[in-house]
């Protein structure tokens, strides 16, 4: 199982935690029963799975995120680059821009990011 790939229900569950944290595991079971018609055990199984992947933590019945939604998204992007393009951002950009031309605003934004993060 890849750490930063989430199935549809895992993503919905994670979104609930990010929106409500800190949230008690009991409150989480109540939310999931209402939202997804899950039994308590289903919620705990899903929570355990995402805690094992170091995305969330359940500490004495209080669930918090170990990664923010933005940090998780960045990790997903890094994993995708590694899996699909051997970790090469230039290869990804080359493949992406063959199919979709960038407008001048997008080019300027990418250039700004490059200038900002340029290694010295």
N, C-alpha and C. Protein backbone atom coordinates (compact mmCIF):
# COMPACT_ATOMS: atom_id res chain seq x y z
N UNK A 1 0.85 -1.18 0.00
CA UNK A 1 0.00 0.00 0.00
C UNK A 1 0.89 1.24 0.00
N UNK A 2 0.56 2.17 -0.87
CA UNK A 2 1.37 3.38 -0.93
C UNK A 2 0.87 4.38 0.10
N UNK A 3 1.81 4.98 0.78
CA UNK A 3 1.50 5.80 1.94
C UNK A 3 0.59 6.99 1.61
N UNK A 4 0.78 7.62 0.45
CA UNK A 4 0.06 8.86 0.17
C UNK A 4 -1.02 8.72 -0.89
N UNK A 5 -1.42 7.51 -1.22
CA UNK A 5 -2.54 7.31 -2.12
C UNK A 5 -3.74 6.93 -1.28
N UNK A 6 -4.83 7.65 -1.48
CA UNK A 6 -6.05 7.38 -0.72
C UNK A 6 -7.16 6.98 -1.68
N UNK A 7 -7.92 5.98 -1.27
CA UNK A 7 -9.13 5.64 -2.01
C UNK A 7 -10.18 6.71 -1.76
N UNK A 8 -11.29 6.58 -2.46
CA UNK A 8 -12.34 7.60 -2.36
C UNK A 8 -12.86 7.77 -0.94
N UNK A 9 -13.15 6.67 -0.26
CA UNK A 9 -13.68 6.77 1.10
C UNK A 9 -12.59 7.19 2.09
N UNK A 10 -11.36 6.74 1.87
CA UNK A 10 -10.26 7.20 2.72
C UNK A 10 -10.12 8.71 2.63
N UNK A 11 -10.25 9.25 1.40
CA UNK A 11 -10.13 10.70 1.21
C UNK A 11 -11.26 11.44 1.91
N UNK A 12 -12.48 10.94 1.79
CA UNK A 12 -13.61 11.59 2.46
C UNK A 12 -13.44 11.55 3.98
N UNK A 13 -12.98 10.42 4.48
CA UNK A 13 -12.73 10.27 5.91
C UNK A 13 -11.64 11.23 6.37
N UNK A 14 -10.55 11.29 5.62
CA UNK A 14 -9.45 12.20 5.96
C UNK A 14 -9.94 13.65 5.95
N UNK A 15 -10.75 14.01 4.97
CA UNK A 15 -11.27 15.38 4.90
C UNK A 15 -12.08 15.73 6.14
N UNK A 16 -12.85 14.77 6.65
CA UNK A 16 -13.62 15.01 7.88
C UNK A 16 -12.67 15.30 9.04
N UNK A 17 -11.63 14.49 9.16
CA UNK A 17 -10.70 14.69 10.28
C UNK A 17 -10.02 16.05 10.16
N UNK A 18 -9.53 16.38 8.96
CA UNK A 18 -8.87 17.68 8.79
C UNK A 18 -9.82 18.84 9.12
N UNK A 19 -11.09 18.69 8.77
CA UNK A 19 -12.06 19.77 9.02
C UNK A 19 -12.43 19.89 10.50
N UNK A 20 -12.41 18.78 11.23
CA UNK A 20 -12.92 18.77 12.60
C UNK A 20 -11.84 18.69 13.68
N UNK A 21 -10.61 18.45 13.31
CA UNK A 21 -9.58 18.17 14.33
C UNK A 21 -9.34 19.36 15.25
N UNK A 22 -8.98 19.10 16.49
CA UNK A 22 -8.96 17.79 17.12
C UNK A 22 -10.39 17.28 17.33
N UNK A 23 -10.57 16.00 17.10
CA UNK A 23 -11.90 15.39 17.23
C UNK A 23 -11.75 14.11 18.04
N UNK A 24 -12.72 13.86 18.90
CA UNK A 24 -12.65 12.61 19.66
C UNK A 24 -13.01 11.45 18.74
N UNK A 25 -12.47 10.31 19.04
CA UNK A 25 -12.78 9.14 18.21
C UNK A 25 -14.27 8.81 18.31
N UNK A 26 -14.87 9.07 19.46
CA UNK A 26 -16.31 8.84 19.62
C UNK A 26 -17.11 9.77 18.69
N UNK A 27 -16.76 11.04 18.67
CA UNK A 27 -17.44 11.99 17.78
C UNK A 27 -17.24 11.58 16.32
N UNK A 28 -16.06 11.10 16.02
CA UNK A 28 -15.76 10.66 14.65
C UNK A 28 -16.64 9.48 14.25
N UNK A 29 -16.86 8.55 15.17
CA UNK A 29 -17.74 7.42 14.85
C UNK A 29 -19.17 7.90 14.61
N UNK A 30 -19.61 8.90 15.36
CA UNK A 30 -20.96 9.45 15.19
C UNK A 30 -21.09 10.16 13.85
N UNK A 31 -20.06 10.92 13.47
CA UNK A 31 -20.07 11.62 12.18
C UNK A 31 -20.12 10.61 11.04
N UNK A 32 -19.29 9.57 11.13
CA UNK A 32 -19.22 8.58 10.05
C UNK A 32 -20.49 7.73 9.97
N UNK A 33 -21.13 7.51 11.10
CA UNK A 33 -22.40 6.79 11.07
C UNK A 33 -23.43 7.62 10.31
N UNK A 34 -23.45 8.92 10.57
CA UNK A 34 -24.40 9.81 9.92
C UNK A 34 -24.06 10.03 8.44
N UNK A 35 -22.77 10.27 8.14
CA UNK A 35 -22.35 10.59 6.77
C UNK A 35 -22.31 9.37 5.84
N UNK A 36 -21.83 8.24 6.36
CA UNK A 36 -21.55 7.08 5.52
C UNK A 36 -22.32 5.82 5.92
N UNK A 37 -23.12 5.90 6.99
CA UNK A 37 -23.82 4.73 7.53
C UNK A 37 -22.84 3.64 7.97
N UNK A 38 -21.67 4.07 8.49
CA UNK A 38 -20.66 3.13 8.96
C UNK A 38 -20.96 2.69 10.38
N UNK A 39 -20.60 1.45 10.67
CA UNK A 39 -20.61 0.98 12.05
C UNK A 39 -19.36 1.51 12.73
N UNK A 40 -19.39 1.52 14.04
CA UNK A 40 -18.25 2.02 14.82
C UNK A 40 -16.96 1.31 14.44
N UNK A 41 -17.04 0.00 14.24
CA UNK A 41 -15.83 -0.77 13.92
C UNK A 41 -15.24 -0.37 12.58
N UNK A 42 -16.08 0.00 11.64
CA UNK A 42 -15.58 0.45 10.33
C UNK A 42 -14.79 1.74 10.48
N UNK A 43 -15.31 2.66 11.28
CA UNK A 43 -14.60 3.92 11.52
C UNK A 43 -13.25 3.66 12.17
N UNK A 44 -13.23 2.81 13.17
CA UNK A 44 -11.96 2.52 13.86
C UNK A 44 -10.96 1.81 12.94
N UNK A 45 -11.45 0.94 12.07
CA UNK A 45 -10.57 0.26 11.11
C UNK A 45 -9.95 1.26 10.15
N UNK A 46 -10.77 2.17 9.64
CA UNK A 46 -10.26 3.20 8.72
C UNK A 46 -9.28 4.11 9.44
N UNK A 47 -9.61 4.50 10.65
CA UNK A 47 -8.72 5.37 11.43
C UNK A 47 -7.38 4.68 11.67
N UNK A 48 -7.42 3.42 12.05
CA UNK A 48 -6.19 2.68 12.31
C UNK A 48 -5.33 2.63 11.05
N UNK A 49 -5.95 2.40 9.91
CA UNK A 49 -5.22 2.32 8.64
C UNK A 49 -4.50 3.64 8.34
N UNK A 50 -5.18 4.75 8.55
CA UNK A 50 -4.56 6.05 8.24
C UNK A 50 -3.55 6.46 9.32
N UNK A 51 -3.74 5.99 10.53
CA UNK A 51 -2.74 6.24 11.58
C UNK A 51 -1.47 5.44 11.31
N UNK A 52 -1.61 4.22 10.84
CA UNK A 52 -0.44 3.40 10.51
C UNK A 52 0.37 4.03 9.38
N UNK A 53 -0.29 4.79 8.52
CA UNK A 53 0.38 5.47 7.42
C UNK A 53 0.94 6.84 7.83
N UNK A 54 0.84 7.15 9.12
CA UNK A 54 1.40 8.37 9.72
C UNK A 54 0.76 9.65 9.18
N UNK A 55 -0.52 9.56 8.84
CA UNK A 55 -1.25 10.75 8.40
C UNK A 55 -1.98 11.38 9.58
N UNK A 56 -2.53 10.50 10.45
CA UNK A 56 -3.24 10.95 11.64
C UNK A 56 -2.72 10.21 12.86
N UNK A 57 -3.14 10.70 14.03
CA UNK A 57 -2.75 10.09 15.29
C UNK A 57 -3.99 10.03 16.18
N UNK A 58 -4.16 8.91 16.86
CA UNK A 58 -5.23 8.76 17.83
C UNK A 58 -4.56 8.61 19.19
N UNK A 59 -4.55 9.69 19.95
CA UNK A 59 -3.87 9.71 21.24
C UNK A 59 -4.92 9.76 22.35
N UNK A 60 -5.12 8.63 23.01
CA UNK A 60 -6.10 8.53 24.10
C UNK A 60 -7.49 9.00 23.67
N UNK A 61 -7.89 8.64 22.46
CA UNK A 61 -9.23 8.97 22.00
C UNK A 61 -9.38 10.32 21.36
N UNK A 62 -8.28 11.06 21.20
CA UNK A 62 -8.33 12.34 20.49
C UNK A 62 -7.55 12.20 19.18
N UNK A 63 -8.23 12.46 18.09
CA UNK A 63 -7.64 12.28 16.76
C UNK A 63 -7.16 13.63 16.24
N UNK A 64 -5.89 13.66 15.84
CA UNK A 64 -5.29 14.87 15.25
C UNK A 64 -4.49 14.47 14.01
N UNK A 65 -4.19 15.45 13.20
CA UNK A 65 -3.42 15.21 11.99
C UNK A 65 -1.93 15.30 12.29
N UNK A 66 -1.17 14.37 11.75
CA UNK A 66 0.28 14.46 11.80
C UNK A 66 0.80 15.26 10.61
N UNK A 67 -0.04 15.36 9.57
CA UNK A 67 0.26 16.16 8.37
C UNK A 67 -0.96 17.02 8.07
N UNK A 68 -0.72 18.27 7.72
CA UNK A 68 -1.84 19.10 7.29
C UNK A 68 -2.30 18.63 5.91
N UNK A 69 -3.46 19.07 5.50
CA UNK A 69 -3.97 18.73 4.16
C UNK A 69 -2.97 19.18 3.09
N UNK A 70 -2.39 20.37 3.26
CA UNK A 70 -1.41 20.86 2.28
C UNK A 70 -0.14 20.03 2.27
N UNK A 71 0.34 19.65 3.45
CA UNK A 71 1.53 18.79 3.53
C UNK A 71 1.26 17.44 2.86
N UNK A 72 0.06 16.92 3.08
CA UNK A 72 -0.30 15.65 2.48
C UNK A 72 -0.34 15.77 0.96
N UNK A 73 -0.92 16.85 0.46
CA UNK A 73 -0.98 17.07 -0.99
C UNK A 73 0.41 17.18 -1.59
N UNK A 74 1.32 17.86 -0.89
CA UNK A 74 2.70 17.96 -1.37
C UNK A 74 3.36 16.58 -1.40
N UNK A 75 3.11 15.79 -0.38
CA UNK A 75 3.68 14.44 -0.33
C UNK A 75 3.11 13.57 -1.45
N UNK A 76 1.83 13.74 -1.76
CA UNK A 76 1.23 13.00 -2.87
C UNK A 76 1.90 13.40 -4.19
N UNK A 77 2.16 14.69 -4.36
CA UNK A 77 2.82 15.16 -5.57
C UNK A 77 4.22 14.59 -5.70
N UNK A 78 4.95 14.58 -4.60
CA UNK A 78 6.31 14.02 -4.62
C UNK A 78 6.27 12.53 -4.95
N UNK A 79 5.30 11.82 -4.38
CA UNK A 79 5.19 10.39 -4.65
C UNK A 79 4.86 10.15 -6.12
N UNK A 80 3.96 10.96 -6.67
CA UNK A 80 3.60 10.83 -8.09
C UNK A 80 4.82 11.07 -8.97
N UNK A 81 5.58 12.12 -8.67
CA UNK A 81 6.79 12.40 -9.46
C UNK A 81 7.77 11.24 -9.39
N UNK A 82 7.93 10.69 -8.21
CA UNK A 82 8.85 9.55 -8.04
C UNK A 82 8.36 8.34 -8.84
N UNK A 83 7.07 8.04 -8.71
CA UNK A 83 6.51 6.85 -9.36
C UNK A 83 6.45 6.99 -10.88
N UNK A 84 6.04 8.14 -11.36
CA UNK A 84 5.78 8.30 -12.79
C UNK A 84 6.94 8.89 -13.58
N UNK A 85 7.80 9.67 -12.92
CA UNK A 85 8.85 10.39 -13.65
C UNK A 85 10.22 10.25 -13.00
N UNK A 86 10.41 9.18 -12.24
CA UNK A 86 11.68 8.92 -11.56
C UNK A 86 12.12 10.13 -10.72
N UNK A 87 11.16 10.86 -10.19
CA UNK A 87 11.47 12.00 -9.32
C UNK A 87 11.87 13.26 -10.06
N UNK A 88 11.75 13.27 -11.37
CA UNK A 88 12.22 14.41 -12.17
C UNK A 88 11.09 15.40 -12.47
N UNK A 89 11.16 16.56 -11.84
CA UNK A 89 10.20 17.62 -12.13
C UNK A 89 10.32 18.11 -13.58
N UNK A 90 11.54 18.29 -14.11
CA UNK A 90 11.64 18.70 -15.52
C UNK A 90 10.98 17.70 -16.48
N UNK A 91 11.11 16.40 -16.22
CA UNK A 91 10.46 15.41 -17.09
C UNK A 91 8.94 15.54 -17.00
N UNK A 92 8.44 15.77 -15.79
CA UNK A 92 7.00 15.96 -15.63
C UNK A 92 6.53 17.19 -16.40
N UNK A 93 7.23 18.32 -16.22
CA UNK A 93 6.83 19.55 -16.91
C UNK A 93 6.88 19.38 -18.42
N UNK A 94 7.90 18.68 -18.93
CA UNK A 94 8.00 18.44 -20.37
C UNK A 94 6.80 17.63 -20.85
N UNK A 95 6.45 16.58 -20.12
CA UNK A 95 5.32 15.75 -20.51
C UNK A 95 4.01 16.54 -20.40
N UNK A 96 3.86 17.30 -19.34
CA UNK A 96 2.64 18.08 -19.12
C UNK A 96 2.45 19.12 -20.21
N UNK A 97 3.50 19.84 -20.55
CA UNK A 97 3.37 20.94 -21.51
C UNK A 97 3.28 20.45 -22.96
N UNK A 98 3.57 19.19 -23.21
CA UNK A 98 3.33 18.63 -24.56
C UNK A 98 1.83 18.54 -24.82
N UNK A 99 1.06 18.34 -23.79
CA UNK A 99 -0.38 18.16 -23.93
C UNK A 99 -1.17 19.43 -23.62
N UNK A 100 -0.63 20.29 -22.80
CA UNK A 100 -1.33 21.51 -22.40
C UNK A 100 -0.35 22.67 -22.41
N UNK A 101 -0.62 23.63 -23.23
CA UNK A 101 0.25 24.80 -23.28
C UNK A 101 -0.01 25.69 -22.07
N UNK A 102 1.06 26.22 -21.50
CA UNK A 102 0.95 27.12 -20.36
C UNK A 102 0.66 28.53 -20.86
N UNK A 103 -0.18 29.26 -20.13
CA UNK A 103 -0.40 30.66 -20.48
C UNK A 103 0.69 31.50 -19.80
N UNK A 104 0.75 32.75 -20.14
CA UNK A 104 1.84 33.59 -19.62
C UNK A 104 1.77 33.75 -18.10
N UNK A 105 0.58 33.76 -17.54
CA UNK A 105 0.45 33.86 -16.08
C UNK A 105 1.04 32.62 -15.41
N UNK A 106 0.76 31.44 -15.96
CA UNK A 106 1.30 30.21 -15.40
C UNK A 106 2.82 30.17 -15.53
N UNK A 107 3.32 30.60 -16.65
CA UNK A 107 4.78 30.63 -16.88
C UNK A 107 5.43 31.57 -15.87
N UNK A 108 4.83 32.76 -15.68
CA UNK A 108 5.38 33.72 -14.72
C UNK A 108 5.38 33.15 -13.30
N UNK A 109 4.31 32.44 -12.95
CA UNK A 109 4.22 31.85 -11.61
C UNK A 109 5.28 30.77 -11.41
N UNK A 110 5.47 29.94 -12.42
CA UNK A 110 6.51 28.90 -12.33
C UNK A 110 7.89 29.54 -12.24
N UNK A 111 8.12 30.57 -13.02
CA UNK A 111 9.42 31.25 -12.98
C UNK A 111 9.65 31.88 -11.61
N UNK A 112 8.60 32.46 -11.03
CA UNK A 112 8.72 33.04 -9.68
C UNK A 112 9.10 31.96 -8.67
N UNK A 113 8.45 30.80 -8.76
CA UNK A 113 8.78 29.69 -7.86
C UNK A 113 10.22 29.24 -8.04
N UNK A 114 10.65 29.15 -9.28
CA UNK A 114 12.04 28.75 -9.55
C UNK A 114 13.00 29.75 -8.95
N UNK A 115 12.74 31.02 -9.19
CA UNK A 115 13.63 32.07 -8.63
C UNK A 115 13.64 32.04 -7.11
N UNK A 116 12.49 31.82 -6.52
CA UNK A 116 12.36 31.81 -5.06
C UNK A 116 13.10 30.63 -4.43
N UNK A 117 13.07 29.49 -5.09
CA UNK A 117 13.64 28.28 -4.51
C UNK A 117 14.96 27.86 -5.14
N UNK A 118 15.52 28.72 -5.96
CA UNK A 118 16.76 28.39 -6.63
C UNK A 118 17.85 28.09 -5.61
N UNK A 119 18.52 26.96 -5.79
CA UNK A 119 19.62 26.57 -4.90
C UNK A 119 20.85 27.42 -5.23
N UNK A 120 21.51 27.83 -4.18
CA UNK A 120 22.69 28.65 -4.40
C UNK A 120 23.94 27.88 -4.07
